[in-house]
């Protein structure tokens, strides 16, 4: 079984930055792609970024166009942690943010096998 636990959400003002963390435990993650998604009220779950688990900790990520240049995904292999650095936040970024793990990768939430419980991010104007 795989467990993912997000943290770092909260209430911030427009223009602020926030870093989300995802702690992974359970089975080995050497072959997993780790992703971040978000879901705003009344909207579908939206892909944000993913990064492969294997390789050096500074491996590059893949981003949705909507967050490219503002959000950065990173990982720490030794600590089994995945991070999402979010800059220049706006009220449109308000959502529940989820960490997820996939054996195949991709941008569809259906390709992700394990999910965290989510962490709320609220951006005030």
PDB file of N, CA and C in Angstrom:
ATOM      1  N   UNK A   1       0.846  -1.191   0.000  1.00  0.00           N
ATOM      2  CA  UNK A   1       0.000   0.000   0.000  1.00  0.00           C
ATOM      3  C   UNK A   1       0.885   1.246   0.000  1.00  0.00           C
ATOM      4  N   UNK A   2       0.382   2.291  -0.626  1.00  0.00           N
ATOM      5  CA  UNK A   2       1.113   3.549  -0.732  1.00  0.00           C
ATOM      6  C   UNK A   2       0.348   4.616   0.020  1.00  0.00           C
ATOM      7  N   UNK A   3       1.065   5.399   0.789  1.00  0.00           N
ATOM      8  CA  UNK A   3       0.445   6.514   1.501  1.00  0.00           C
ATOM      9  C   UNK A   3       1.106   7.825   1.090  1.00  0.00           C
ATOM     10  N   UNK A   4       0.259   8.802   0.858  1.00  0.00           N
ATOM     11  CA  UNK A   4       0.725  10.141   0.496  1.00  0.00           C
ATOM     12  C   UNK A   4       0.048  11.144   1.422  1.00  0.00           C
ATOM     13  N   UNK A   5       0.823  12.029   1.983  1.00  0.00           N
ATOM     14  CA  UNK A   5       0.278  13.026   2.899  1.00  0.00           C
ATOM     15  C   UNK A   5       0.781  14.404   2.503  1.00  0.00           C
ATOM     16  N   UNK A   6      -0.160  15.275   2.145  1.00  0.00           N
ATOM     17  CA  UNK A   6       0.196  16.646   1.768  1.00  0.00           C
ATOM     18  C   UNK A   6       0.182  17.565   2.984  1.00  0.00           C
ATOM     19  N   UNK A   7       0.935  18.621   2.885  1.00  0.00           N
ATOM     20  CA  UNK A   7       0.933  19.663   3.911  1.00  0.00           C
ATOM     21  C   UNK A   7       1.396  20.965   3.285  1.00  0.00           C
ATOM     22  N   UNK A   8       1.205  22.059   4.021  1.00  0.00           N
ATOM     23  CA  UNK A   8       1.695  23.346   3.552  1.00  0.00           C
ATOM     24  C   UNK A   8       0.649  24.297   3.016  1.00  0.00           C
ATOM     25  N   UNK A   9      -0.586  23.827   2.904  1.00  0.00           N
ATOM     26  CA  UNK A   9      -1.635  24.708   2.428  1.00  0.00           C
ATOM     27  C   UNK A   9      -1.985  25.773   3.456  1.00  0.00           C
ATOM     28  N   UNK A  10      -2.809  26.726   3.031  1.00  0.00           N
ATOM     29  CA  UNK A  10      -3.214  27.776   3.944  1.00  0.00           C
ATOM     30  C   UNK A  10      -3.833  28.943   3.220  1.00  0.00           C
ATOM     31  N   UNK A  11      -4.013  30.023   3.958  1.00  0.00           N
ATOM     32  CA  UNK A  11      -4.591  31.253   3.420  1.00  0.00           C
ATOM     33  C   UNK A  11      -3.473  32.263   3.176  1.00  0.00           C
ATOM     34  N   UNK A  12      -3.375  32.721   1.931  1.00  0.00           N
ATOM     35  CA  UNK A  12      -2.357  33.703   1.563  1.00  0.00           C
ATOM     36  C   UNK A  12      -3.007  34.816   0.753  1.00  0.00           C
ATOM     37  N   UNK A  13      -2.250  35.880   0.536  1.00  0.00           N
ATOM     38  CA  UNK A  13      -2.751  36.988  -0.263  1.00  0.00           C
ATOM     39  C   UNK A  13      -2.234  36.877  -1.696  1.00  0.00           C
ATOM     40  N   UNK A  14      -2.938  37.534  -2.591  1.00  0.00           N
ATOM     41  CA  UNK A  14      -2.522  37.542  -3.993  1.00  0.00           C
ATOM     42  C   UNK A  14      -1.094  38.058  -4.103  1.00  0.00           C
ATOM     43  N   UNK A  15      -0.307  37.367  -4.915  1.00  0.00           N
ATOM     44  CA  UNK A  15       1.094  37.730  -5.097  1.00  0.00           C
ATOM     45  C   UNK A  15       2.053  36.976  -4.197  1.00  0.00           C
ATOM     46  N   UNK A  16       1.510  36.326  -3.177  1.00  0.00           N
ATOM     47  CA  UNK A  16       2.354  35.574  -2.243  1.00  0.00           C
ATOM     48  C   UNK A  16       2.825  34.265  -2.861  1.00  0.00           C
ATOM     49  N   UNK A  17       3.751  33.632  -2.140  1.00  0.00           N
ATOM     50  CA  UNK A  17       4.246  32.319  -2.522  1.00  0.00           C
ATOM     51  C   UNK A  17       3.892  31.304  -1.439  1.00  0.00           C
ATOM     52  N   UNK A  18       3.868  30.044  -1.835  1.00  0.00           N
ATOM     53  CA  UNK A  18       3.553  28.968  -0.909  1.00  0.00           C
ATOM     54  C   UNK A  18       4.248  27.715  -1.405  1.00  0.00           C
ATOM     55  N   UNK A  19       4.743  26.913  -0.481  1.00  0.00           N
ATOM     56  CA  UNK A  19       5.335  25.630  -0.865  1.00  0.00           C
ATOM     57  C   UNK A  19       4.556  24.493  -0.228  1.00  0.00           C
ATOM     58  N   UNK A  20       4.051  23.617  -1.080  1.00  0.00           N
ATOM     59  CA  UNK A  20       3.362  22.420  -0.618  1.00  0.00           C
ATOM     60  C   UNK A  20       4.342  21.260  -0.547  1.00  0.00           C
ATOM     61  N   UNK A  21       4.108  20.379   0.416  1.00  0.00           N
ATOM     62  CA  UNK A  21       4.944  19.195   0.586  1.00  0.00           C
ATOM     63  C   UNK A  21       4.086  17.946   0.520  1.00  0.00           C
ATOM     64  N   UNK A  22       4.678  16.860   0.054  1.00  0.00           N
ATOM     65  CA  UNK A  22       4.000  15.573  -0.004  1.00  0.00           C
ATOM     66  C   UNK A  22       4.969  14.518   0.508  1.00  0.00           C
ATOM     67  N   UNK A  23       4.597  13.878   1.605  1.00  0.00           N
ATOM     68  CA  UNK A  23       5.408  12.813   2.182  1.00  0.00           C
ATOM     69  C   UNK A  23       4.892  11.469   1.697  1.00  0.00           C
ATOM     70  N   UNK A  24       5.789  10.670   1.132  1.00  0.00           N
ATOM     71  CA  UNK A  24       5.416   9.369   0.597  1.00  0.00           C
ATOM     72  C   UNK A  24       5.956   8.260   1.486  1.00  0.00           C
ATOM     73  N   UNK A  25       5.195   7.216   1.650  1.00  0.00           N
ATOM     74  CA  UNK A  25       5.645   6.057   2.416  1.00  0.00           C
ATOM     75  C   UNK A  25       5.001   4.813   1.833  1.00  0.00           C
ATOM     76  N   UNK A  26       5.518   3.679   2.236  1.00  0.00           N
ATOM     77  CA  UNK A  26       4.986   2.430   1.719  1.00  0.00           C
ATOM     78  C   UNK A  26       5.925   1.793   0.717  1.00  0.00           C
ATOM     79  N   UNK A  27       5.383   1.371  -0.409  1.00  0.00           N
ATOM     80  CA  UNK A  27       6.170   0.667  -1.411  1.00  0.00           C
ATOM     81  C   UNK A  27       7.245   1.560  -2.021  1.00  0.00           C
ATOM     82  N   UNK A  28       8.220   0.928  -2.653  1.00  0.00           N
ATOM     83  CA  UNK A  28       9.293   1.682  -3.281  1.00  0.00           C
ATOM     84  C   UNK A  28       8.737   2.577  -4.384  1.00  0.00           C
ATOM     85  N   UNK A  29       9.328   3.753  -4.518  1.00  0.00           N
ATOM     86  CA  UNK A  29       8.842   4.717  -5.492  1.00  0.00           C
ATOM     87  C   UNK A  29       9.804   4.890  -6.663  1.00  0.00           C
ATOM     88  N   UNK A  30      10.714   3.956  -6.807  1.00  0.00           N
ATOM     89  CA  UNK A  30      11.746   4.155  -7.817  1.00  0.00           C
ATOM     90  C   UNK A  30      11.189   4.239  -9.229  1.00  0.00           C
ATOM     91  N   UNK A  31      10.025   3.650  -9.466  1.00  0.00           N
ATOM     92  CA  UNK A  31       9.463   3.664 -10.819  1.00  0.00           C
ATOM     93  C   UNK A  31       8.235   4.548 -10.943  1.00  0.00           C
ATOM     94  N   UNK A  32       7.895   5.285  -9.912  1.00  0.00           N
ATOM     95  CA  UNK A  32       6.667   6.071  -9.931  1.00  0.00           C
ATOM     96  C   UNK A  32       6.910   7.483 -10.452  1.00  0.00           C
ATOM     97  N   UNK A  33       5.917   7.984 -11.128  1.00  0.00           N
ATOM     98  CA  UNK A  33       5.844   9.397 -11.470  1.00  0.00           C
ATOM     99  C   UNK A  33       4.987  10.074 -10.399  1.00  0.00           C
ATOM    100  N   UNK A  34       5.496  11.170  -9.855  1.00  0.00           N
ATOM    101  CA  UNK A  34       4.770  11.891  -8.816  1.00  0.00           C
ATOM    102  C   UNK A  34       4.164  13.151  -9.417  1.00  0.00           C
ATOM    103  N   UNK A  35       2.899  13.375  -9.126  1.00  0.00           N
ATOM    104  CA  UNK A  35       2.212  14.513  -9.715  1.00  0.00           C
ATOM    105  C   UNK A  35       1.481  15.355  -8.681  1.00  0.00           C
ATOM    106  N   UNK A  36       1.201  16.575  -9.098  1.00  0.00           N
ATOM    107  CA  UNK A  36       0.355  17.481  -8.318  1.00  0.00           C
ATOM    108  C   UNK A  36      -0.865  17.867  -9.153  1.00  0.00           C
ATOM    109  N   UNK A  37      -2.019  17.831  -8.521  1.00  0.00           N
ATOM    110  CA  UNK A  37      -3.279  18.230  -9.134  1.00  0.00           C
ATOM    111  C   UNK A  37      -3.975  19.206  -8.193  1.00  0.00           C
ATOM    112  N   UNK A  38      -4.990  19.851  -8.702  1.00  0.00           N
ATOM    113  CA  UNK A  38      -5.830  20.676  -7.844  1.00  0.00           C
ATOM    114  C   UNK A  38      -7.273  20.587  -8.326  1.00  0.00           C
ATOM    115  N   UNK A  39      -8.176  20.877  -7.391  1.00  0.00           N
ATOM    116  CA  UNK A  39      -9.593  20.864  -7.725  1.00  0.00           C
ATOM    117  C   UNK A  39     -10.287  22.003  -7.003  1.00  0.00           C
ATOM    118  N   UNK A  40     -10.853  22.892  -7.786  1.00  0.00           N
ATOM    119  CA  UNK A  40     -11.622  24.015  -7.253  1.00  0.00           C
ATOM    120  C   UNK A  40     -13.086  23.600  -7.187  1.00  0.00           C
ATOM    121  N   UNK A  41     -13.869  24.249  -6.333  1.00  0.00           N
ATOM    122  CA  UNK A  41     -15.289  23.899  -6.213  1.00  0.00           C
ATOM    123  C   UNK A  41     -16.009  23.977  -7.556  1.00  0.00           C
ATOM    124  N   UNK A  42     -16.722  22.920  -7.879  1.00  0.00           N
ATOM    125  CA  UNK A  42     -17.491  22.891  -9.105  1.00  0.00           C
ATOM    126  C   UNK A  42     -16.692  22.643 -10.363  1.00  0.00           C
ATOM    127  N   UNK A  43     -15.395  22.377 -10.217  1.00  0.00           N
ATOM    128  CA  UNK A  43     -14.538  22.149 -11.383  1.00  0.00           C
ATOM    129  C   UNK A  43     -13.922  20.756 -11.324  1.00  0.00           C
ATOM    130  N   UNK A  44     -13.454  20.296 -12.475  1.00  0.00           N
ATOM    131  CA  UNK A  44     -12.777  19.006 -12.538  1.00  0.00           C
ATOM    132  C   UNK A  44     -11.366  19.112 -11.959  1.00  0.00           C
ATOM    133  N   UNK A  45     -10.849  17.964 -11.596  1.00  0.00           N
ATOM    134  CA  UNK A  45      -9.485  17.929 -11.082  1.00  0.00           C
ATOM    135  C   UNK A  45      -8.530  18.283 -12.218  1.00  0.00           C
ATOM    136  N   UNK A  46      -7.597  19.166 -11.917  1.00  0.00           N
ATOM    137  CA  UNK A  46      -6.708  19.737 -12.928  1.00  0.00           C
ATOM    138  C   UNK A  46      -5.269  19.327 -12.689  1.00  0.00           C
ATOM    139  N   UNK A  47      -4.626  18.821 -13.731  1.00  0.00           N
ATOM    140  CA  UNK A  47      -3.200  18.481 -13.658  1.00  0.00           C
ATOM    141  C   UNK A  47      -2.371  19.760 -13.560  1.00  0.00           C
ATOM    142  N   UNK A  48      -1.345  19.723 -12.721  1.00  0.00           N
ATOM    143  CA  UNK A  48      -0.447  20.862 -12.578  1.00  0.00           C
ATOM    144  C   UNK A  48       0.979  20.541 -13.018  1.00  0.00           C
ATOM    145  N   UNK A  49       1.531  19.453 -12.488  1.00  0.00           N
ATOM    146  CA  UNK A  49       2.924  19.120 -12.777  1.00  0.00           C
ATOM    147  C   UNK A  49       3.203  17.680 -12.375  1.00  0.00           C
ATOM    148  N   UNK A  50       4.218  17.097 -13.010  1.00  0.00           N
ATOM    149  CA  UNK A  50       4.686  15.785 -12.550  1.00  0.00           C
ATOM    150  C   UNK A  50       6.191  15.688 -12.711  1.00  0.00           C
ATOM    151  N   UNK A  51       6.776  14.748 -11.974  1.00  0.00           N
ATOM    152  CA  UNK A  51       8.213  14.549 -11.979  1.00  0.00           C
ATOM    153  C   UNK A  51       8.478  13.074 -11.735  1.00  0.00           C
ATOM    154  N   UNK A  52       9.490  12.539 -12.411  1.00  0.00           N
ATOM    155  CA  UNK A  52       9.805  11.139 -12.200  1.00  0.00           C
ATOM    156  C   UNK A  52      10.527  10.966 -10.882  1.00  0.00           C
ATOM    157  N   UNK A  53      10.327   9.801 -10.269  1.00  0.00           N
ATOM    158  CA  UNK A  53      10.919   9.560  -8.959  1.00  0.00           C
ATOM    159  C   UNK A  53      12.366   9.125  -9.078  1.00  0.00           C
ATOM    160  N   UNK A  54      12.671   8.324 -10.079  1.00  0.00           N
ATOM    161  CA  UNK A  54      14.018   7.786 -10.203  1.00  0.00           C
ATOM    162  C   UNK A  54      14.978   8.858 -10.686  1.00  0.00           C
ATOM    163  N   UNK A  55      16.223   8.598 -10.564  1.00  0.00           N
ATOM    164  CA  UNK A  55      17.224   9.556 -11.004  1.00  0.00           C
ATOM    165  C   UNK A  55      17.622  10.514  -9.893  1.00  0.00           C
ATOM    166  N   UNK A  56      18.368  11.494 -10.262  1.00  0.00           N
ATOM    167  CA  UNK A  56      18.862  12.414  -9.245  1.00  0.00           C
ATOM    168  C   UNK A  56      17.739  13.289  -8.691  1.00  0.00           C
ATOM    169  N   UNK A  57      17.931  13.751  -7.489  1.00  0.00           N
ATOM    170  CA  UNK A  57      16.858  14.495  -6.828  1.00  0.00           C
ATOM    171  C   UNK A  57      16.502  15.769  -7.562  1.00  0.00           C
ATOM    172  N   UNK A  58      17.404  16.260  -8.356  1.00  0.00           N
ATOM    173  CA  UNK A  58      17.088  17.507  -9.044  1.00  0.00           C
ATOM    174  C   UNK A  58      16.452  17.315 -10.393  1.00  0.00           C
ATOM    175  N   UNK A  59      15.828  16.138 -10.655  1.00  0.00           N
ATOM    176  CA  UNK A  59      15.231  15.852 -11.948  1.00  0.00           C
ATOM    177  C   UNK A  59      14.212  16.889 -12.357  1.00  0.00           C
ATOM    178  N   UNK A  60      14.066  17.096 -13.655  1.00  0.00           N
ATOM    179  CA  UNK A  60      13.178  18.131 -14.162  1.00  0.00           C
ATOM    180  C   UNK A  60      11.737  17.663 -14.133  1.00  0.00           C
ATOM    181  N   UNK A  61      10.844  18.600 -14.188  1.00  0.00           N
ATOM    182  CA  UNK A  61       9.423  18.302 -14.159  1.00  0.00           C
ATOM    183  C   UNK A  61       8.743  18.696 -15.445  1.00  0.00           C
ATOM    184  N   UNK A  62       7.487  18.282 -15.543  1.00  0.00           N
ATOM    185  CA  UNK A  62       6.640  18.632 -16.693  1.00  0.00           C
ATOM    186  C   UNK A  62       5.445  19.393 -16.151  1.00  0.00           C
ATOM    187  N   UNK A  63       5.060  20.491 -16.819  1.00  0.00           N
ATOM    188  CA  UNK A  63       4.065  21.396 -16.267  1.00  0.00           C
ATOM    189  C   UNK A  63       2.900  21.639 -17.210  1.00  0.00           C
ATOM    190  N   UNK A  64       1.755  21.888 -16.600  1.00  0.00           N
ATOM    191  CA  UNK A  64       0.625  22.396 -17.359  1.00  0.00           C
ATOM    192  C   UNK A  64       0.927  23.829 -17.781  1.00  0.00           C
ATOM    193  N   UNK A  65       0.407  24.214 -18.933  1.00  0.00           N
ATOM    194  CA  UNK A  65       0.673  25.557 -19.429  1.00  0.00           C
ATOM    195  C   UNK A  65       0.178  26.626 -18.463  1.00  0.00           C
ATOM    196  N   UNK A  66      -0.878  26.310 -17.746  1.00  0.00           N
ATOM    197  CA  UNK A  66      -1.491  27.305 -16.860  1.00  0.00           C
ATOM    198  C   UNK A  66      -0.602  27.692 -15.684  1.00  0.00           C
ATOM    199  N   UNK A  67       0.380  26.845 -15.352  1.00  0.00           N
ATOM    200  CA  UNK A  67       1.224  27.126 -14.201  1.00  0.00           C
ATOM    201  C   UNK A  67       2.705  27.208 -14.564  1.00  0.00           C
ATOM    202  N   UNK A  68       3.032  26.953 -15.798  1.00  0.00           N
ATOM    203  CA  UNK A  68       4.432  26.977 -16.213  1.00  0.00           C
ATOM    204  C   UNK A  68       5.024  28.351 -15.964  1.00  0.00           C
ATOM    205  N   UNK A  69       6.183  28.369 -15.328  1.00  0.00           N
ATOM    206  CA  UNK A  69       6.839  29.628 -14.996  1.00  0.00           C
ATOM    207  C   UNK A  69       6.498  30.165 -13.623  1.00  0.00           C
ATOM    208  N   UNK A  70       5.401  29.697 -13.036  1.00  0.00           N
ATOM    209  CA  UNK A  70       5.013  30.117 -11.682  1.00  0.00           C
ATOM    210  C   UNK A  70       5.200  29.014 -10.657  1.00  0.00           C
ATOM    211  N   UNK A  71       4.960  27.778 -11.061  1.00  0.00           N
ATOM    212  CA  UNK A  71       5.045  26.635 -10.158  1.00  0.00           C
ATOM    213  C   UNK A  71       6.281  25.800 -10.499  1.00  0.00           C
ATOM    214  N   UNK A  72       6.898  25.246  -9.453  1.00  0.00           N
ATOM    215  CA  UNK A  72       8.045  24.374  -9.644  1.00  0.00           C
ATOM    216  C   UNK A  72       7.885  23.124  -8.798  1.00  0.00           C
ATOM    217  N   UNK A  73       7.996  21.968  -9.451  1.00  0.00           N
ATOM    218  CA  UNK A  73       7.926  20.702  -8.739  1.00  0.00           C
ATOM    219  C   UNK A  73       9.346  20.204  -8.494  1.00  0.00           C
ATOM    220  N   UNK A  74       9.559  19.614  -7.332  1.00  0.00           N
ATOM    221  CA  UNK A  74      10.872  19.062  -7.018  1.00  0.00           C
ATOM    222  C   UNK A  74      10.689  17.869  -6.090  1.00  0.00           C
ATOM    223  N   UNK A  75      11.767  17.129  -5.900  1.00  0.00           N
ATOM    224  CA  UNK A  75      11.678  15.952  -5.047  1.00  0.00           C
ATOM    225  C   UNK A  75      12.978  15.715  -4.321  1.00  0.00           C
ATOM    226  N   UNK A  76      12.857  14.999  -3.222  1.00  0.00           N
ATOM    227  CA  UNK A  76      14.008  14.576  -2.444  1.00  0.00           C
ATOM    228  C   UNK A  76      13.912  13.068  -2.313  1.00  0.00           C
ATOM    229  N   UNK A  77      14.729  12.366  -3.069  1.00  0.00           N
ATOM    230  CA  UNK A  77      14.644  10.900  -3.089  1.00  0.00           C
ATOM    231  C   UNK A  77      14.899  10.299  -1.715  1.00  0.00           C
ATOM    232  N   UNK A  78      15.888  10.801  -1.020  1.00  0.00           N
ATOM    233  CA  UNK A  78      16.261  10.236   0.270  1.00  0.00           C
ATOM    234  C   UNK A  78      15.141  10.381   1.292  1.00  0.00           C
ATOM    235  N   UNK A  79      14.451  11.499   1.252  1.00  0.00           N
ATOM    236  CA  UNK A  79      13.380  11.752   2.214  1.00  0.00           C
ATOM    237  C   UNK A  79      12.025  11.298   1.708  1.00  0.00           C
ATOM    238  N   UNK A  80      11.953  10.880   0.453  1.00  0.00           N
ATOM    239  CA  UNK A  80      10.677  10.502  -0.168  1.00  0.00           C
ATOM    240  C   UNK A  80       9.679  11.637  -0.051  1.00  0.00           C
ATOM    241  N   UNK A  81      10.129  12.801  -0.446  1.00  0.00           N
ATOM    242  CA  UNK A  81       9.293  13.986  -0.398  1.00  0.00           C
ATOM    243  C   UNK A  81       9.174  14.580  -1.794  1.00  0.00           C
ATOM    244  N   UNK A  82       8.005  15.121  -2.072  1.00  0.00           N
ATOM    245  CA  UNK A  82       7.772  15.859  -3.308  1.00  0.00           C
ATOM    246  C   UNK A  82       7.238  17.233  -2.909  1.00  0.00           C
ATOM    247  N   UNK A  83       7.678  18.263  -3.620  1.00  0.00           N
ATOM    248  CA  UNK A  83       7.304  19.620  -3.274  1.00  0.00           C
ATOM    249  C   UNK A  83       6.690  20.330  -4.475  1.00  0.00           C
ATOM    250  N   UNK A  84       5.869  21.315  -4.170  1.00  0.00           N
ATOM    251  CA  UNK A  84       5.346  22.187  -5.217  1.00  0.00           C
ATOM    252  C   UNK A  84       5.510  23.620  -4.725  1.00  0.00           C
ATOM    253  N   UNK A  85       6.455  24.322  -5.323  1.00  0.00           N
ATOM    254  CA  UNK A  85       6.664  25.735  -5.017  1.00  0.00           C
ATOM    255  C   UNK A  85       5.746  26.555  -5.911  1.00  0.00           C
ATOM    256  N   UNK A  86       4.927  27.391  -5.305  1.00  0.00           N
ATOM    257  CA  UNK A  86       3.957  28.182  -6.054  1.00  0.00           C
ATOM    258  C   UNK A  86       4.235  29.661  -5.810  1.00  0.00           C
ATOM    259  N   UNK A  87       4.462  30.384  -6.881  1.00  0.00           N
ATOM    260  CA  UNK A  87       4.757  31.808  -6.802  1.00  0.00           C
ATOM    261  C   UNK A  87       3.671  32.620  -7.498  1.00  0.00           C
ATOM    262  N   UNK A  88       3.632  33.900  -7.159  1.00  0.00           N
ATOM    263  CA  UNK A  88       2.686  34.831  -7.791  1.00  0.00           C
ATOM    264  C   UNK A  88       1.264  34.284  -7.776  1.00  0.00           C
ATOM    265  N   UNK A  89       0.837  33.862  -6.615  1.00  0.00           N
ATOM    266  CA  UNK A  89      -0.491  33.265  -6.495  1.00  0.00           C
ATOM    267  C   UNK A  89      -1.586  34.296  -6.706  1.00  0.00           C
ATOM    268  N   UNK A  90      -2.677  33.838  -7.279  1.00  0.00           N
ATOM    269  CA  UNK A  90      -3.844  34.673  -7.511  1.00  0.00           C
ATOM    270  C   UNK A  90      -5.079  33.962  -6.972  1.00  0.00           C
ATOM    271  N   UNK A  91      -6.191  34.667  -6.805  1.00  0.00           N
ATOM    272  CA  UNK A  91      -7.417  34.014  -6.315  1.00  0.00           C
ATOM    273  C   UNK A  91      -7.845  32.827  -7.175  1.00  0.00           C
ATOM    274  N   UNK A  92      -7.484  32.841  -8.459  1.00  0.00           N
ATOM    275  CA  UNK A  92      -7.821  31.718  -9.343  1.00  0.00           C
ATOM    276  C   UNK A  92      -7.076  30.440  -8.969  1.00  0.00           C
ATOM    277  N   UNK A  93      -6.061  30.546  -8.134  1.00  0.00           N
ATOM    278  CA  UNK A  93      -5.326  29.368  -7.681  1.00  0.00           C
ATOM    279  C   UNK A  93      -5.972  28.720  -6.459  1.00  0.00           C
ATOM    280  N   UNK A  94      -7.033  29.297  -5.949  1.00  0.00           N
ATOM    281  CA  UNK A  94      -7.719  28.722  -4.801  1.00  0.00           C
ATOM    282  C   UNK A  94      -8.314  27.363  -5.159  1.00  0.00           C
ATOM    283  N   UNK A  95      -7.947  26.345  -4.385  1.00  0.00           N
ATOM    284  CA  UNK A  95      -8.384  24.979  -4.666  1.00  0.00           C
ATOM    285  C   UNK A  95      -7.838  24.053  -3.583  1.00  0.00           C
ATOM    286  N   UNK A  96      -8.285  22.811  -3.637  1.00  0.00           N
ATOM    287  CA  UNK A  96      -7.657  21.752  -2.856  1.00  0.00           C
ATOM    288  C   UNK A  96      -6.566  21.146  -3.730  1.00  0.00           C
ATOM    289  N   UNK A  97      -5.377  21.048  -3.193  1.00  0.00           N
ATOM    290  CA  UNK A  97      -4.228  20.548  -3.933  1.00  0.00           C
ATOM    291  C   UNK A  97      -3.906  19.122  -3.484  1.00  0.00           C
ATOM    292  N   UNK A  98      -3.695  18.255  -4.500  1.00  0.00           N
ATOM    293  CA  UNK A  98      -3.474  16.836  -4.244  1.00  0.00           C
ATOM    294  C   UNK A  98      -2.130  16.385  -4.797  1.00  0.00           C
ATOM    295  N   UNK A  99      -1.497  15.523  -4.050  1.00  0.00           N
ATOM    296  CA  UNK A  99      -0.312  14.808  -4.496  1.00  0.00           C
ATOM    297  C   UNK A  99      -0.764  13.423  -4.945  1.00  0.00           C
ATOM    298  N   UNK A 100      -0.141  12.901  -5.998  1.00  0.00           N
ATOM    299  CA  UNK A 100      -0.547  11.601  -6.514  1.00  0.00           C
ATOM    300  C   UNK A 100       0.657  10.858  -7.083  1.00  0.00           C
ATOM    301  N   UNK A 101       0.543   9.527  -7.140  1.00  0.00           N
ATOM    302  CA  UNK A 101       1.607   8.687  -7.669  1.00  0.00           C
ATOM    303  C   UNK A 101       1.061   7.812  -8.781  1.00  0.00           C
ATOM    304  N   UNK A 102       1.848   7.678  -9.840  1.00  0.00           N
ATOM    305  CA  UNK A 102       1.433   6.903 -11.003  1.00  0.00           C
ATOM    306  C   UNK A 102       2.564   5.989 -11.461  1.00  0.00           C
ATOM    307  N   UNK A 103       2.190   4.794 -11.883  1.00  0.00           N
ATOM    308  CA  UNK A 103       3.178   3.876 -12.441  1.00  0.00           C
ATOM    309  C   UNK A 103       3.409   4.144 -13.914  1.00  0.00           C
ATOM    310  N   UNK A 104       2.569   4.952 -14.523  1.00  0.00           N
ATOM    311  CA  UNK A 104       2.682   5.204 -15.965  1.00  0.00           C
ATOM    312  C   UNK A 104       2.910   6.667 -16.306  1.00  0.00           C
ATOM    313  N   UNK A 105       2.526   7.572 -15.412  1.00  0.00           N
ATOM    314  CA  UNK A 105       2.706   8.985 -15.694  1.00  0.00           C
ATOM    315  C   UNK A 105       1.598   9.549 -16.550  1.00  0.00           C
ATOM    316  N   UNK A 106       1.764  10.806 -16.968  1.00  0.00           N
ATOM    317  CA  UNK A 106       0.774  11.457 -17.802  1.00  0.00           C
ATOM    318  C   UNK A 106       0.090  12.586 -17.067  1.00  0.00           C
ATOM    319  N   UNK A 107      -0.859  13.208 -17.780  1.00  0.00           N
ATOM    320  CA  UNK A 107      -1.549  14.365 -17.209  1.00  0.00           C
ATOM    321  C   UNK A 107      -2.979  14.059 -16.790  1.00  0.00           C
ATOM    322  N   UNK A 108      -3.457  12.872 -17.089  1.00  0.00           N
ATOM    323  CA  UNK A 108      -4.818  12.513 -16.695  1.00  0.00           C
ATOM    324  C   UNK A 108      -4.842  11.965 -15.291  1.00  0.00           C
ATOM    325  N   UNK A 109      -5.802  12.414 -14.490  1.00  0.00           N
ATOM    326  CA  UNK A 109      -5.918  11.915 -13.120  1.00  0.00           C
ATOM    327  C   UNK A 109      -6.215  10.423 -13.099  1.00  0.00           C
ATOM    328  N   UNK A 110      -6.804   9.907 -14.177  1.00  0.00           N
ATOM    329  CA  UNK A 110      -7.133   8.479 -14.215  1.00  0.00           C
ATOM    330  C   UNK A 110      -5.885   7.592 -14.266  1.00  0.00           C
ATOM    331  N   UNK A 111      -4.762   8.162 -14.605  1.00  0.00           N
ATOM    332  CA  UNK A 111      -3.526   7.389 -14.691  1.00  0.00           C
ATOM    333  C   UNK A 111      -2.792   7.321 -13.357  1.00  0.00           C
ATOM    334  N   UNK A 112      -3.329   7.956 -12.347  1.00  0.00           N
ATOM    335  CA  UNK A 112      -2.668   7.996 -11.049  1.00  0.00           C
ATOM    336  C   UNK A 112      -3.356   7.026 -10.098  1.00  0.00           C
ATOM    337  N   UNK A 113      -2.530   6.191  -9.465  1.00  0.00           N
ATOM    338  CA  UNK A 113      -3.044   5.088  -8.668  1.00  0.00           C
ATOM    339  C   UNK A 113      -3.261   5.447  -7.210  1.00  0.00           C
ATOM    340  N   UNK A 114      -2.460   6.364  -6.696  1.00  0.00           N
ATOM    341  CA  UNK A 114      -2.523   6.693  -5.273  1.00  0.00           C
ATOM    342  C   UNK A 114      -2.635   8.203  -5.100  1.00  0.00           C
ATOM    343  N   UNK A 115      -3.425   8.594  -4.098  1.00  0.00           N
ATOM    344  CA  UNK A 115      -3.717  10.000  -3.852  1.00  0.00           C
ATOM    345  C   UNK A 115      -3.590  10.328  -2.375  1.00  0.00           C
ATOM    346  N   UNK A 116      -3.171  11.545  -2.108  1.00  0.00           N
ATOM    347  CA  UNK A 116      -3.222  12.055  -0.756  1.00  0.00           C
ATOM    348  C   UNK A 116      -4.608  12.591  -0.447  1.00  0.00           C
ATOM    349  N   UNK A 117      -4.767  13.097   0.755  1.00  0.00           N
ATOM    350  CA  UNK A 117      -6.074  13.578   1.188  1.00  0.00           C
ATOM    351  C   UNK A 117      -6.343  15.007   0.735  1.00  0.00           C
ATOM    352  N   UNK A 118      -5.302  15.687   0.278  1.00  0.00           N
ATOM    353  CA  UNK A 118      -5.459  17.053  -0.208  1.00  0.00           C
ATOM    354  C   UNK A 118      -5.164  18.091   0.858  1.00  0.00           C
ATOM    355  N   UNK A 119      -4.749  19.251   0.403  1.00  0.00           N
ATOM    356  CA  UNK A 119      -4.514  20.376   1.296  1.00  0.00           C
ATOM    357  C   UNK A 119      -5.110  21.636   0.666  1.00  0.00           C
ATOM    358  N   UNK A 120      -5.833  22.396   1.451  1.00  0.00           N
ATOM    359  CA  UNK A 120      -6.551  23.566   0.939  1.00  0.00           C
ATOM    360  C   UNK A 120      -5.610  24.755   0.788  1.00  0.00           C
ATOM    361  N   UNK A 121      -5.683  25.378  -0.368  1.00  0.00           N
ATOM    362  CA  UNK A 121      -4.979  26.639  -0.613  1.00  0.00           C
ATOM    363  C   UNK A 121      -6.019  27.689  -0.950  1.00  0.00           C
ATOM    364  N   UNK A 122      -6.027  28.767  -0.208  1.00  0.00           N
ATOM    365  CA  UNK A 122      -6.958  29.860  -0.442  1.00  0.00           C
ATOM    366  C   UNK A 122      -6.164  31.145  -0.641  1.00  0.00           C
ATOM    367  N   UNK A 123      -6.419  31.805  -1.756  1.00  0.00           N
ATOM    368  CA  UNK A 123      -5.707  33.041  -2.085  1.00  0.00           C
ATOM    369  C   UNK A 123      -6.711  34.178  -2.075  1.00  0.00           C
ATOM    370  N   UNK A 124      -6.498  35.133  -1.209  1.00  0.00           N
ATOM    371  CA  UNK A 124      -7.397  36.278  -1.123  1.00  0.00           C
ATOM    372  C   UNK A 124      -6.882  37.421  -1.994  1.00  0.00           C
ATOM    373  N   UNK A 125      -7.811  38.227  -2.468  1.00  0.00           N
ATOM    374  CA  UNK A 125      -7.442  39.348  -3.357  1.00  0.00           C
ATOM    375  C   UNK A 125      -7.114  40.593  -2.574  1.00  0.00           C
TER     376      UNK A 125
END
